[in-house]
Amino acid sequence: MTTTGFIDPRPVYTRATEQAAALIEAVRPEQLGGPTPCTEFDVRTLLSHIVGGTRRIAVVGEGGDGLAVHPFAEGVEDDGWAAAYEDVRVRVLKAWEADERMTSPVRVPWGEVPGHAALSGYVMELVTHTWDLAEALGHPGELDPEPAEFALATARRVLPDSRPRDAETPFDARREASEGAGVYERLAAWTGRVPLSRG
């Protein structure tokens, strides 16, 4: 907690980017056309969105107009996703280094908010998409629970049951998580995700 009363999202965002980078590195070429829990995305499109969304929040952190940045990366070769993400990952962490970025107002797709709220929203997005990717790849390793705990707390705050989810909301209606579900499964359920059927 900072002296201004908000939790600094930067350390957990850094961990979330490291985890995403490791998972992207694990993607094999034959998996790029496979399905993901985002029914409109295959793995390749999901990677494009992760890279593009990270570029958008990097531009926001740099003081630019993030809404002018297309949230999908184009022109990346099939063997270039890990490098493309590493480039934007380095850029976004540098863009948000300064403490004043946490309290400066910024514009993001859901409105004008303080920097810490914007970056917290992108923690939620990145961690949710990391689960999507892990699900698509058959969960090749354990995921770090701390970013998911932060993301779930953010999701419950910005996507409460009291606020209906409509066409403008980039997440489907909340599902009930199964009893004893882990934090990633609870986050996925809160954001309307359905695990891939492997039957």
Protein backbone atom coordinates (compact mmCIF):
# COMPACT_ATOMS: atom_id res chain seq x y z
CA MET A 1 0.00 0.00 0.00
CA THR A 2 1.28 3.46 -0.83
CA THR A 3 0.86 6.64 1.17
CA THR A 4 -1.89 7.73 -1.25
CA GLY A 5 -4.06 4.76 -0.37
CA PHE A 6 -3.78 2.47 -3.39
CA ILE A 7 -1.86 -0.73 -3.96
CA ASP A 8 1.00 -0.17 -6.40
CA PRO A 9 0.27 -2.53 -9.31
CA ARG A 10 3.77 -2.34 -10.79
CA PRO A 11 5.44 -5.22 -8.90
CA VAL A 12 2.60 -7.62 -9.64
CA TYR A 13 2.40 -6.43 -13.26
CA THR A 14 6.12 -7.13 -13.64
CA ARG A 15 5.58 -10.68 -12.34
CA ALA A 16 2.61 -11.10 -14.64
CA THR A 17 4.68 -10.08 -17.67
CA GLU A 18 7.48 -12.47 -16.70
CA GLN A 19 5.00 -15.31 -16.44
CA ALA A 20 3.37 -14.42 -19.76
CA ALA A 21 6.78 -14.22 -21.43
CA ALA A 22 7.72 -17.70 -20.23
CA LEU A 23 4.43 -19.14 -21.46
CA ILE A 24 4.70 -17.45 -24.86
CA GLU A 25 8.21 -18.87 -25.17
CA ALA A 26 6.69 -22.35 -24.69
CA VAL A 27 4.25 -22.07 -27.61
CA ARG A 28 5.08 -24.53 -30.40
CA PRO A 29 4.34 -23.65 -34.05
CA GLU A 30 1.79 -26.44 -34.38
CA GLN A 31 -0.22 -24.94 -31.48
CA LEU A 32 -0.76 -21.53 -33.11
CA GLY A 33 -3.98 -22.51 -34.85
CA GLY A 34 -5.45 -24.21 -31.78
CA PRO A 35 -8.54 -23.00 -29.89
CA THR A 36 -8.55 -20.85 -26.77
CA PRO A 37 -11.25 -20.05 -24.19
CA CYS A 38 -11.75 -16.78 -26.11
CA THR A 39 -13.96 -18.41 -28.72
CA GLU A 40 -13.14 -15.81 -31.38
CA PHE A 41 -9.36 -16.21 -30.90
CA ASP A 42 -7.05 -19.02 -31.87
CA VAL A 43 -3.64 -19.10 -30.16
CA ARG A 44 -2.04 -16.90 -32.82
CA THR A 45 -4.77 -14.24 -32.46
CA LEU A 46 -4.52 -14.40 -28.67
CA LEU A 47 -0.76 -13.79 -28.88
CA SER A 48 -1.43 -10.89 -31.24
CA HIS A 49 -3.84 -9.40 -28.70
CA ILE A 50 -1.44 -9.88 -25.77
CA VAL A 51 1.35 -8.11 -27.68
CA GLY A 52 -0.96 -5.40 -29.03
CA GLY A 53 -2.62 -4.75 -25.68
CA THR A 54 0.76 -4.50 -23.99
CA ARG A 55 1.89 -2.01 -26.62
CA ARG A 56 -1.25 0.04 -25.96
CA ILE A 57 -0.64 0.31 -22.19
CA ALA A 58 3.03 1.07 -22.89
CA VAL A 59 1.99 4.06 -24.99
CA VAL A 60 -0.40 5.15 -22.21
CA GLY A 61 2.48 4.97 -19.71
CA GLU A 62 4.65 7.02 -22.07
CA GLY A 63 2.01 9.76 -22.10
CA GLY A 64 0.69 8.98 -25.56
CA ASP A 65 -2.77 8.19 -26.87
CA GLY A 66 -3.19 4.51 -26.16
CA LEU A 67 -6.64 4.48 -27.76
CA ALA A 68 -4.97 5.21 -31.09
CA VAL A 69 -2.99 1.95 -30.77
CA HIS A 70 -4.61 -1.10 -32.36
CA PRO A 71 -4.85 -3.77 -29.63
CA PHE A 72 -3.54 -6.49 -31.95
CA ALA A 73 -0.01 -6.87 -33.32
CA GLU A 74 0.30 -7.36 -37.06
CA GLY A 75 3.14 -8.64 -39.19
CA VAL A 76 4.68 -10.94 -36.56
CA GLU A 77 6.11 -14.16 -37.97
CA ASP A 78 5.04 -17.42 -36.38
CA ASP A 79 8.45 -17.83 -34.75
CA GLY A 80 8.57 -14.21 -33.62
CA TRP A 81 5.96 -13.99 -30.87
CA ALA A 82 8.34 -14.43 -27.93
CA ALA A 83 10.65 -11.69 -29.26
CA ALA A 84 7.72 -9.39 -30.07
CA TYR A 85 6.36 -9.75 -26.55
CA GLU A 86 9.77 -9.25 -24.96
CA ASP A 87 10.17 -5.99 -26.88
CA VAL A 88 6.87 -4.57 -25.64
CA ARG A 89 7.37 -6.03 -22.15
CA VAL A 90 10.64 -4.09 -21.73
CA ARG A 91 8.97 -0.99 -23.12
CA VAL A 92 5.90 -1.13 -20.85
CA LEU A 93 7.91 -1.65 -17.66
CA LYS A 94 10.09 1.35 -18.50
CA ALA A 95 7.04 3.46 -19.36
CA TRP A 96 5.52 2.94 -15.90
CA GLU A 97 8.72 3.27 -13.80
CA ALA A 98 8.10 6.80 -12.54
CA ASP A 99 5.99 7.11 -9.38
CA GLU A 100 4.08 10.08 -10.80
CA ARG A 101 2.60 7.79 -13.46
CA MET A 102 0.56 6.17 -10.68
CA THR A 103 -1.48 9.29 -9.94
CA SER A 104 -1.50 11.04 -13.33
CA PRO A 105 -4.84 10.73 -15.16
CA VAL A 106 -4.70 8.60 -18.31
CA ARG A 107 -7.21 7.55 -20.96
CA VAL A 108 -7.93 3.86 -21.42
CA PRO A 109 -10.83 2.09 -23.16
CA TRP A 110 -13.02 2.27 -20.05
CA GLY A 111 -12.51 6.00 -19.41
CA GLU A 112 -10.11 8.48 -17.79
CA VAL A 113 -8.64 7.05 -14.60
CA PRO A 114 -5.51 7.45 -12.45
CA GLY A 115 -2.50 5.56 -13.74
CA HIS A 116 -2.59 2.97 -10.96
CA ALA A 117 -6.19 2.05 -11.89
CA ALA A 118 -5.28 1.78 -15.56
CA LEU A 119 -2.32 -0.49 -14.89
CA SER A 120 -4.38 -2.57 -12.46
CA GLY A 121 -6.90 -3.12 -15.24
CA TYR A 122 -4.13 -4.32 -17.51
CA VAL A 123 -2.90 -6.70 -14.81
CA MET A 124 -6.38 -8.20 -14.88
CA GLU A 125 -6.38 -8.42 -18.67
CA LEU A 126 -2.89 -9.90 -18.96
CA VAL A 127 -3.40 -12.47 -16.20
CA THR A 128 -6.76 -13.52 -17.64
CA HIS A 129 -5.23 -13.95 -21.09
CA THR A 130 -2.32 -15.83 -19.54
CA TRP A 131 -4.85 -18.33 -18.20
CA ASP A 132 -6.46 -18.44 -21.67
CA LEU A 133 -3.08 -19.27 -23.19
CA ALA A 134 -2.20 -21.82 -20.53
CA GLU A 135 -5.57 -23.50 -21.08
CA ALA A 136 -4.96 -23.57 -24.85
CA LEU A 137 -1.53 -25.15 -24.34
CA GLY A 138 -2.79 -27.78 -21.89
CA HIS A 139 -1.28 -26.07 -18.81
CA PRO A 140 2.41 -26.86 -19.38
CA GLY A 141 3.37 -25.60 -15.91
CA GLU A 142 2.08 -24.11 -12.67
CA LEU A 143 0.96 -20.49 -12.77
CA ASP A 144 1.97 -17.95 -10.10
CA PRO A 145 -1.06 -17.36 -7.84
CA GLU A 146 -0.15 -13.83 -6.70
CA PRO A 147 -0.93 -12.04 -10.00
CA ALA A 148 -4.22 -13.93 -10.19
CA GLU A 149 -5.19 -12.90 -6.64
CA PHE A 150 -4.56 -9.26 -7.59
CA ALA A 151 -6.40 -9.68 -10.91
CA LEU A 152 -9.40 -11.32 -9.25
CA ALA A 153 -9.66 -8.53 -6.66
CA THR A 154 -9.55 -6.00 -9.51
CA ALA A 155 -12.16 -7.94 -11.49
CA ARG A 156 -14.53 -8.05 -8.53
CA ARG A 157 -14.14 -4.29 -8.12
CA VAL A 158 -14.56 -3.25 -11.77
CA LEU A 159 -16.94 -6.03 -12.87
CA PRO A 160 -19.29 -6.36 -9.89
CA ASP A 161 -22.48 -8.39 -10.14
CA SER A 162 -24.39 -5.14 -9.72
CA ARG A 163 -23.12 -3.89 -13.07
CA PRO A 164 -24.63 -5.68 -16.07
CA ARG A 165 -22.17 -6.79 -18.74
CA ASP A 166 -23.19 -5.59 -22.17
CA ALA A 167 -21.69 -5.46 -25.67
CA GLU A 168 -19.27 -2.78 -24.49
CA THR A 169 -17.85 -5.06 -21.78
CA PRO A 170 -14.95 -7.19 -23.07
CA PHE A 171 -15.85 -10.02 -20.68
CA ASP A 172 -18.81 -12.39 -20.73
CA ALA A 173 -21.25 -12.84 -17.86
CA ARG A 174 -19.82 -14.35 -14.70
CA ARG A 175 -20.01 -18.11 -14.28
CA GLU A 176 -19.99 -20.01 -11.02
CA ALA A 177 -16.58 -21.48 -10.23
CA SER A 178 -16.54 -25.10 -9.17
CA GLU A 179 -16.19 -25.86 -5.48
CA GLY A 180 -12.55 -25.85 -4.44
CA ALA A 181 -11.47 -24.05 -7.64
CA GLY A 182 -8.04 -22.44 -7.65
CA VAL A 183 -7.58 -18.69 -8.04
CA TYR A 184 -7.05 -18.85 -11.81
CA GLU A 185 -10.22 -20.89 -12.26
CA ARG A 186 -12.10 -18.37 -10.08
CA LEU A 187 -10.71 -15.49 -12.15
CA ALA A 188 -11.67 -17.28 -15.37
CA ALA A 189 -15.21 -17.86 -14.07
CA TRP A 190 -15.59 -14.24 -12.93
CA THR A 191 -14.59 -13.06 -16.42
CA GLY A 192 -16.97 -15.50 -18.11
CA ARG A 193 -14.40 -18.01 -19.33
CA VAL A 194 -15.27 -21.63 -20.00
CA PRO A 195 -12.37 -24.12 -19.89
CA LEU A 196 -11.68 -25.93 -23.13
CA SER A 197 -13.24 -29.36 -23.40
CA ARG A 198 -10.60 -32.05 -23.58
CA GLY A 199 -13.02 -34.95 -23.76
